[in-house]
Every structure is written in structure tokens, then in C-alpha cells.
Protein backbone atom coordinates (compact mmCIF):
# COMPACT_ATOMS: atom_id res chain seq x y z
CA MET A 1 -9.43 -8.12 7.00
CA THR A 2 -11.83 -5.53 5.69
CA GLU A 3 -14.67 -6.41 3.54
CA SER A 4 -17.53 -4.33 1.52
CA LEU A 5 -20.13 -3.55 3.68
CA ILE A 6 -23.04 -3.42 1.23
CA ASP A 7 -22.88 -4.48 -2.38
CA SER A 8 -26.71 -4.12 -2.78
CA GLU A 9 -29.93 -2.67 -1.64
CA GLU A 10 -31.32 -6.06 -0.80
CA THR A 11 -31.03 -6.98 2.93
CA GLU A 12 -31.89 -10.80 4.53
CA GLU A 13 -33.92 -11.54 7.55
CA GLN A 14 -31.60 -11.47 10.86
CA SER A 15 -31.72 -14.79 11.17
CA ASP A 16 -29.48 -15.29 7.77
CA LEU A 17 -26.89 -12.95 8.68
CA PHE A 18 -23.46 -13.72 9.20
CA GLU A 19 -20.92 -11.99 11.86
CA HIS A 20 -18.19 -10.38 9.93
CA PHE A 21 -16.93 -8.05 12.50
CA ARG A 22 -17.02 -7.81 16.49
CA TYR A 23 -15.46 -4.94 18.74
CA VAL A 24 -15.86 -4.31 22.17
CA ALA A 25 -16.10 -0.71 23.45
CA ASP A 26 -13.13 -0.04 25.91
CA LYS A 27 -14.11 0.69 29.62
CA GLY A 28 -12.85 4.57 28.85
CA GLN A 29 -15.07 5.02 25.75
CA GLY A 30 -16.55 8.64 25.34
CA LEU A 31 -19.95 8.70 23.96
CA LEU A 32 -19.37 8.23 20.00
CA ARG A 33 -21.93 7.96 17.01
CA VAL A 34 -21.91 3.86 16.03
CA ASP A 35 -20.90 4.39 12.38
CA LYS A 36 -17.68 6.92 13.37
CA PHE A 37 -16.76 4.26 16.07
CA LEU A 38 -16.41 1.74 13.26
CA HIS A 39 -14.96 4.00 10.54
CA GLN A 40 -12.18 4.23 13.01
CA LYS A 41 -11.94 0.56 13.48
CA MET A 42 -12.48 -0.20 9.79
CA GLU A 43 -9.96 2.19 7.88
CA ALA A 44 -11.03 0.99 4.50
CA THR A 45 -14.30 0.79 4.77
CA SER A 46 -16.44 4.36 4.35
CA ARG A 47 -18.27 5.71 6.72
CA SER A 48 -21.48 6.01 4.18
CA LYS A 49 -21.08 1.89 3.59
CA ILE A 50 -21.48 1.47 7.17
CA GLN A 51 -24.38 3.86 7.53
CA THR A 52 -25.96 1.78 4.77
CA ALA A 53 -25.50 -1.12 6.61
CA ALA A 54 -26.94 0.03 9.74
CA ASP A 55 -29.92 1.41 7.79
CA SER A 56 -30.05 -2.09 6.75
CA GLY A 57 -30.32 -3.82 10.29
CA CYS A 58 -26.68 -5.10 10.02
CA VAL A 59 -25.15 -3.11 12.98
CA PHE A 60 -25.78 -4.64 16.46
CA VAL A 61 -24.98 -3.40 19.49
CA ASN A 62 -25.22 -5.84 22.80
CA GLU A 63 -27.25 -8.22 20.11
CA LYS A 64 -30.01 -5.22 19.21
CA PRO A 65 -30.17 -3.96 15.86
CA VAL A 66 -29.16 -0.21 15.83
CA LYS A 67 -28.76 3.05 13.80
CA SER A 68 -25.92 5.16 12.74
CA ASN A 69 -26.75 7.85 15.51
CA TYR A 70 -26.54 5.20 18.19
CA LYS A 71 -24.11 6.54 20.93
CA VAL A 72 -21.50 3.80 22.00
CA LYS A 73 -20.71 3.53 25.67
CA PRO A 74 -18.21 1.72 27.72
CA ASP A 75 -18.08 -2.00 27.34
CA ASP A 76 -20.61 -1.84 24.25
CA VAL A 77 -20.33 -4.98 21.99
CA ILE A 78 -20.43 -3.90 18.43
CA VAL A 79 -20.98 -6.60 15.65
CA VAL A 80 -21.27 -6.14 11.75
CA LYS A 81 -23.44 -9.00 10.08
CA LEU A 82 -23.69 -9.37 6.58
CA SER A 83 -26.09 -11.75 4.27
CA TYR A 84 -23.33 -14.00 2.97
CA PRO A 85 -20.41 -15.90 5.16
CA ARG A 86 -17.34 -14.19 5.88
CA ARG A 87 -14.69 -15.35 3.39
CA GLU A 88 -11.59 -17.07 5.32
CA LEU A 89 -8.22 -16.05 4.07
CA VAL A 90 -6.15 -18.71 3.68
CA LEU A 91 -2.54 -19.04 1.76
CA ILE A 92 -3.08 -21.02 -1.27
CA PRO A 93 0.01 -22.40 -2.85
CA GLU A 94 0.39 -21.52 -6.09
CA ASP A 95 3.21 -21.74 -9.11
CA LEU A 96 3.88 -18.36 -9.88
CA PRO A 97 7.20 -17.36 -11.58
CA LEU A 98 9.46 -15.41 -9.08
CA ASN A 99 12.98 -13.03 -9.47
CA ILE A 100 15.04 -14.16 -7.21
CA VAL A 101 17.82 -11.87 -6.28
CA TYR A 102 18.99 -13.81 -3.24
CA GLU A 103 18.03 -16.38 -1.08
CA ASP A 104 20.00 -18.24 2.14
CA ASP A 105 18.21 -20.40 4.94
CA GLN A 106 17.06 -17.22 6.67
CA VAL A 107 15.96 -14.68 3.96
CA ILE A 108 15.25 -14.49 0.61
CA VAL A 109 15.27 -11.15 -1.70
CA ILE A 110 12.75 -10.77 -4.49
CA ASN A 111 12.52 -8.28 -7.20
CA LYS A 112 8.81 -8.12 -7.42
CA GLN A 113 7.06 -7.04 -11.06
CA PRO A 114 4.70 -4.71 -11.36
CA GLY A 115 1.08 -5.94 -11.36
CA MET A 116 1.80 -8.38 -8.34
CA VAL A 117 0.02 -7.67 -4.83
CA VAL A 118 2.40 -8.73 -2.15
CA HIS A 119 -0.22 -10.93 0.34
CA PRO A 120 -3.92 -11.77 -0.06
CA GLY A 121 -6.49 -9.56 1.13
CA HIS A 122 -9.70 -8.24 0.34
CA GLY A 123 -10.27 -8.64 -3.31
CA ASN A 124 -6.89 -10.10 -3.84
CA TYR A 125 -7.16 -13.78 -2.90
CA THR A 126 -4.77 -15.34 -5.38
CA GLY A 127 -1.92 -14.52 -7.64
CA THR A 128 -0.06 -12.97 -4.86
CA LEU A 129 3.45 -13.02 -3.86
CA LEU A 130 2.82 -14.86 -1.01
CA ASN A 131 0.45 -17.42 -2.72
CA ALA A 132 4.03 -17.95 -4.85
CA LEU A 133 6.09 -18.33 -2.17
CA ALA A 134 3.71 -20.79 -0.55
CA TRP A 135 4.31 -23.03 -3.28
CA TYR A 136 8.16 -22.22 -3.81
CA PHE A 137 8.97 -23.18 0.17
CA LYS A 138 6.48 -26.16 0.08
CA ASP A 139 8.67 -27.75 2.55
CA LEU A 140 8.68 -24.42 4.94
CA GLU A 141 6.23 -24.77 7.97
CA LEU A 142 6.08 -20.88 7.99
CA PHE A 143 3.96 -20.76 4.82
CA GLN A 144 2.21 -24.02 5.08
CA GLY A 145 -0.52 -22.20 7.55
CA LYS A 146 -3.33 -19.80 7.48
CA ASP A 147 -1.08 -16.55 7.94
CA THR A 148 -1.56 -14.53 4.67
CA ARG A 149 1.47 -12.55 5.77
CA ALA A 150 4.11 -15.39 6.63
CA GLY A 151 7.53 -13.92 6.62
CA LEU A 152 6.36 -10.54 5.35
CA VAL A 153 8.44 -7.43 6.94
CA HIS A 154 7.73 -4.75 4.64
CA ARG A 155 5.61 -4.53 1.65
CA ILE A 156 5.53 -2.46 -1.85
CA ASP A 157 2.39 -1.46 -3.50
CA LYS A 158 0.81 -3.79 -6.20
CA ASN A 159 2.31 -1.33 -9.29
CA THR A 160 5.38 -0.64 -7.65
CA SER A 161 8.20 -2.96 -8.78
CA GLY A 162 11.66 -3.64 -7.06
CA LEU A 163 13.19 -5.32 -3.77
CA LEU A 164 11.45 -6.61 -1.53
CA VAL A 165 13.12 -9.24 1.42
CA VAL A 166 10.79 -12.06 3.01
CA ALA A 167 11.88 -14.22 6.31
CA LYS A 168 11.85 -17.48 6.00
CA THR A 169 12.05 -18.18 10.18
CA ASP A 170 10.44 -17.11 12.68
CA HIS A 171 13.59 -15.96 14.12
CA ALA A 172 14.31 -13.95 10.76
CA LYS A 173 11.13 -12.36 10.76
CA THR A 174 11.45 -10.71 14.18
CA HIS A 175 15.18 -9.86 13.65
CA LEU A 176 14.38 -7.77 10.19
CA GLY A 177 10.76 -6.59 11.90
CA LYS A 178 12.94 -4.79 14.32
CA GLN A 179 15.13 -3.10 11.96
CA PHE A 180 12.44 -1.82 10.01
CA PHE A 181 10.57 -0.44 12.97
CA ASP A 182 14.12 0.84 13.80
CA LYS A 183 14.50 2.58 10.86
CA THR A 184 18.25 1.07 10.27
CA THR A 185 17.20 -0.76 7.24
CA HIS A 186 18.36 0.96 3.90
CA ARG A 187 15.65 1.61 1.44
CA ILE A 188 16.12 3.62 -2.14
CA TYR A 189 13.67 4.22 -4.78
CA HIS A 190 13.80 5.87 -8.09
CA ALA A 191 10.54 7.84 -9.03
CA ILE A 192 9.84 9.76 -12.24
CA VAL A 193 7.76 13.00 -11.33
CA TRP A 194 5.74 15.60 -13.12
CA GLY A 195 7.63 18.74 -13.10
CA ARG A 196 11.26 19.84 -11.35
CA PRO A 197 11.28 20.27 -7.71
CA LYS A 198 12.78 24.22 -6.75
CA GLU A 199 15.40 22.33 -4.92
CA GLU A 200 18.13 19.21 -6.38
CA ALA A 201 17.72 17.93 -3.03
CA GLY A 202 15.41 18.08 0.20
CA THR A 203 13.50 16.15 2.91
CA ILE A 204 9.75 15.93 2.82
CA VAL A 205 8.29 16.00 6.54
CA GLY A 206 4.39 15.47 7.04
CA ASN A 207 2.32 12.84 8.81
CA ILE A 208 0.43 10.48 6.77
CA GLY A 209 -2.90 9.03 7.45
CA ARG A 210 -6.30 7.57 5.81
CA ASN A 211 -7.68 10.40 3.90
CA PRO A 212 -10.72 11.19 5.70
CA LYS A 213 -13.29 11.52 2.41
CA ASP A 214 -11.59 8.54 0.58
CA ARG A 215 -10.43 5.65 3.21
CA THR A 216 -8.69 3.51 0.20
CA VAL A 217 -5.76 6.72 -0.21
CA MET A 218 -3.42 8.11 1.69
CA TYR A 219 -3.66 12.11 3.09
CA VAL A 220 -0.78 14.11 4.69
CA PHE A 221 -1.98 16.42 7.71
CA LYS A 222 -0.87 19.77 8.76
CA ASP A 223 -1.91 18.95 12.24
CA GLU A 224 0.46 16.92 13.79
CA ASN A 225 -1.78 15.04 15.91
CA LEU A 226 -2.87 13.05 13.17
CA GLY A 227 -1.89 10.67 10.95
CA LYS A 228 1.52 8.95 11.42
CA HIS A 229 5.40 10.50 11.20
CA ALA A 230 6.82 10.21 8.00
CA VAL A 231 9.98 11.45 6.36
CA THR A 232 11.27 10.62 2.76
CA HIS A 233 14.50 12.39 1.56
CA TYR A 234 15.21 13.09 -2.34
CA LYS A 235 17.69 14.24 -4.81
CA LEU A 236 17.02 14.92 -8.40
CA LEU A 237 18.77 12.37 -10.93
CA GLU A 238 17.62 13.86 -14.52
CA ASP A 239 15.56 16.50 -15.87
CA PHE A 240 13.19 15.92 -18.26
CA SER A 241 12.22 19.52 -18.66
CA TYR A 242 8.45 18.54 -17.96
CA LEU A 243 9.39 15.37 -15.48
CA SER A 244 12.01 14.75 -13.14
CA LEU A 245 13.67 11.14 -12.44
CA LEU A 246 14.30 11.43 -8.59
CA GLU A 247 16.36 9.14 -5.91
CA CYS A 248 13.59 9.01 -3.03
CA LYS A 249 15.28 7.58 0.58
CA LEU A 250 13.13 6.11 3.16
CA GLU A 251 13.39 7.20 6.68
CA THR A 252 9.76 5.52 7.59
CA GLY A 253 7.73 3.39 5.64
CA ARG A 254 4.40 4.58 5.44
CA THR A 255 1.42 3.36 3.10
CA HIS A 256 1.94 5.15 -0.20
CA GLN A 257 4.65 7.22 1.47
CA ILE A 258 6.64 8.60 -1.77
CA ARG A 259 3.25 8.98 -3.74
CA ILE A 260 1.79 11.03 -1.57
CA HIS A 261 4.48 13.05 0.05
CA MET A 262 5.12 13.70 -3.81
CA LYS A 263 2.01 15.14 -4.27
CA SER A 264 1.98 16.73 -1.29
CA ILE A 265 4.93 19.42 -2.87
CA GLY A 266 3.23 19.35 -6.42
CA HIS A 267 4.87 16.59 -7.72
CA PRO A 268 2.49 13.86 -8.18
CA LEU A 269 4.36 10.32 -9.60
CA PHE A 270 3.80 9.77 -13.42
CA ASN A 271 0.70 8.31 -14.25
CA ASP A 272 -0.07 7.81 -10.71
CA GLY A 273 -4.21 7.45 -11.02
CA GLU A 274 -4.64 7.25 -7.17
CA TYR A 275 -2.82 10.58 -6.68
CA GLY A 276 -3.54 12.62 -9.85
CA GLY A 277 -0.52 12.02 -11.89
CA ASP A 278 -2.53 10.04 -14.60
CA ILE A 279 -3.16 13.46 -16.51
CA ILE A 280 -0.91 15.86 -18.35
CA LEU A 281 0.09 18.46 -15.46
CA LYS A 282 3.27 19.96 -17.45
CA GLY A 283 3.93 20.73 -20.64
CA THR A 284 2.44 22.58 -24.14
CA THR A 285 -0.65 22.91 -25.10
CA PHE A 286 0.14 21.51 -28.60
CA THR A 287 -1.59 18.08 -30.09
CA LYS A 288 1.59 16.37 -30.72
CA TYR A 289 2.61 16.90 -27.40
CA LYS A 290 -0.62 15.42 -25.61
CA GLN A 291 -0.22 12.60 -28.13
CA PHE A 292 3.30 11.76 -26.93
CA VAL A 293 2.16 11.88 -23.48
CA GLN A 294 -0.44 9.95 -24.11
CA ASN A 295 1.65 7.19 -25.92
CA CYS A 296 4.18 7.44 -22.62
CA PHE A 297 1.03 6.68 -20.61
CA LYS A 298 0.77 3.39 -22.52
CA VAL A 299 4.32 2.76 -22.27
CA LEU A 300 4.22 2.64 -18.36
CA PRO A 301 0.56 1.81 -17.53
CA ARG A 302 1.46 2.47 -13.45
CA GLN A 303 3.01 4.77 -11.35
CA ALA A 304 6.74 5.33 -12.32
CA LEU A 305 8.40 4.06 -8.80
CA HIS A 306 10.74 1.31 -8.50
CA ALA A 307 12.40 0.42 -5.28
CA LYS A 308 15.89 0.30 -6.30
CA GLU A 309 18.04 -0.62 -3.30
CA LEU A 310 17.56 -2.48 -0.28
CA GLY A 311 19.79 -3.11 2.68
CA PHE A 312 19.68 -4.61 6.11
CA GLU A 313 21.81 -6.42 8.33
CA HIS A 314 21.32 -10.75 8.07
CA PRO A 315 19.72 -11.81 11.12
CA THR A 316 21.94 -14.76 11.87
CA THR A 317 25.46 -13.38 10.91
CA GLY A 318 25.02 -9.96 11.44
CA LYS A 319 26.48 -9.22 8.08
CA TRP A 320 25.53 -6.14 6.09
CA MET A 321 23.29 -7.00 3.16
CA LEU A 322 23.09 -4.61 0.31
CA PHE A 323 20.89 -5.52 -2.90
CA LYS A 324 20.92 -3.03 -5.93
CA SER A 325 18.14 -3.64 -8.94
CA ASP A 326 17.98 -2.83 -12.70
CA THR A 327 15.33 -0.06 -13.42
CA PRO A 328 12.62 -1.95 -15.10
CA ASP A 329 11.95 -2.24 -18.74
CA ASP A 330 8.77 0.32 -18.69
CA MET A 331 10.47 3.03 -16.77
CA SER A 332 13.77 2.43 -18.80
CA GLU A 333 11.75 2.66 -22.11
CA LEU A 334 9.80 5.89 -20.85
CA MET A 335 12.79 7.75 -20.08
CA GLN A 336 14.20 7.14 -23.70
CA LYS A 337 11.21 8.41 -25.33
CA TRP A 338 11.55 11.72 -23.19
CA ARG A 339 15.30 11.78 -23.92
CA ILE A 340 14.41 11.49 -27.56
CA TYR A 341 11.66 13.90 -27.39
CA LEU A 342 13.52 16.50 -26.07
CA GLY A 343 16.34 15.91 -28.18
CA GLY A 344 14.23 16.83 -31.05
CA ARG A 345 12.93 20.24 -30.09
């Protein structure tokens, strides 16, 4: 769990601080500034917030407050304390609608709607898919504890729609988890991107990791020693002149993989605000065209990405399971608007 470090300029007496994070430096730890050390450990927290916390007396090493430039040494105990108690994440059952595609005693396949977060986390404590499943599986022990990722073996982004499999037993979770790790699952996405790739089919290979300048988004590294190996295969399904409908097949499953890979080759997803797709990137300068695109943004107020197909080996029967989902209404309406627009030019 990662939380914001400092949300105001106010500080408390040290006796009123509450421990949020604790790390012990390895015996082989080289000398490293404490702000850099914590930045590596707390991926979703910016280095500037860590420095603010240190300046406010909230970063301790071996029980003594330190500044950002303190050099971490082997066996140091680094603790971050804040002025409010750490919020414990719990899986609260909530009666929320679920679009169930398939279910048996081992697995459940959901067609997730856009806008729903998959599991509780900082900023999203309720209203998630896992909250809904905790309600739905009232009699399953796996979903009645404090594990906020119970049954999860993969995820899709909040504003991405489509297919997701969740395990109902520990055996199924282990079996499915291995398949995702071994890259033997089948995952096809449909994406609407700006522009038209030079090749109608291709493969994008590029290591993905947190953006060093903004830890909330991902980045494709040119240095093979940074990030994690990622591969996306794509092919053109329909050409809308200024947009393209692509089929994307995942060979790996990194955070925001399709979104950042498509941006890296100059084709961000339509209306993807985090990766630059929420502005007009292709087309004419005519006012009528600009208004048309703005109307399209309203039709699909999210990134144009849908998990279309999902395949895996059943954890007990060994049978190959393949599921396909319909294109969601907002993406269908967007494509139809572009077909009509192009037909009237």
C-alpha cells in the first residue's frame, strides 16, 4: 500500500506521528541518499513528496529523524511516520452489479465495465470489482478475509473494459497465476488509436517501468537494463483515416502495456489522458472537424481499450477455455460516428 506522504504544510510533534512504512537496508546496501532509497521502494510516490516528508521530520533512520541527503548504510532501519493513522485496507462486501460471463466451482469470468477499479487501494477503498465479488461470494472463505486482492491473477485498468478471470479457490489461483507467469494465456484487446501505423501488422518490444519523472504513469526505456521486458503484437482491423482500430495481442502483461507501447510508436489511444491521446493529434484544422472530435471525446470519455478475448487452461479439468466479449457501446458508437463522418466527406 502506498499513500500520499504530505498533503499540507502542517507538521505534528513526533509523539503524534504514526508509522506508515518500514524498510531494512540489505547488508550489501551501498551508500545511497535516503530520498532515493525510499523512491525506489515506494514506486507510486514522487521523490519531491519524500523530500518534503524528510524536511518535515517524518523520515527516521534508526529511530532518529534525518534529512533527504542522509546516506543509507547496510542494516539501517528506515521508517516513514505521518501525522495520521495508517488506513488499513479491508475487503468490504458491496452489492454492486456484475456482468458474469461464466462461472463454475473454480473460476468466474467477468466482463468489467469501464470506470470500475479492480481492487481496493489508495484512493479507491470501495466500489471495486473485489468489493462486489466479496458480496457475491458471501460463503467463500477466500473472499471473506482482509486480502484485498483475493482471487486476482491479473488486472485491467479502471477505464478499460472487458474480460477478467478471477479464481475462486487457492488451487485455481495458483494454477492460473502460473499460466499468466508462463505467458500461456490468450489475451486479445481492441484499441482505437490516433493515426495509422506504417505497417498493417507488427510487434512492439520495449521495456516498461515507472516514469522517472512521474511515478503515476509508465515509460518505455531504451536501456535494456531498466524496466521489465514487454511485447505487444498488433494488426490493423479498420482504418478511419485519422484513427485506426487495432487488434492487440499481449505476450507479456505489464501495467498500461498497450497504452504506453502505442504511444511509444506515435499512436496514443484515443482519449487516453495519461498518455496524450485526449487532444486532437490527427486531422484537419477546420472548426467543424474540431467540433466533431470534441463530440467524440464526449461519446467515449475514457481510453479506447477493450479486453476482447481471454483464454486459459481450466485449473482442474485441463480444458482450454476461450471467451469473447462484444465491443462496448461507447466504442461501437465512436466507430460508427467516424464511419458516417468519413462517408460524408
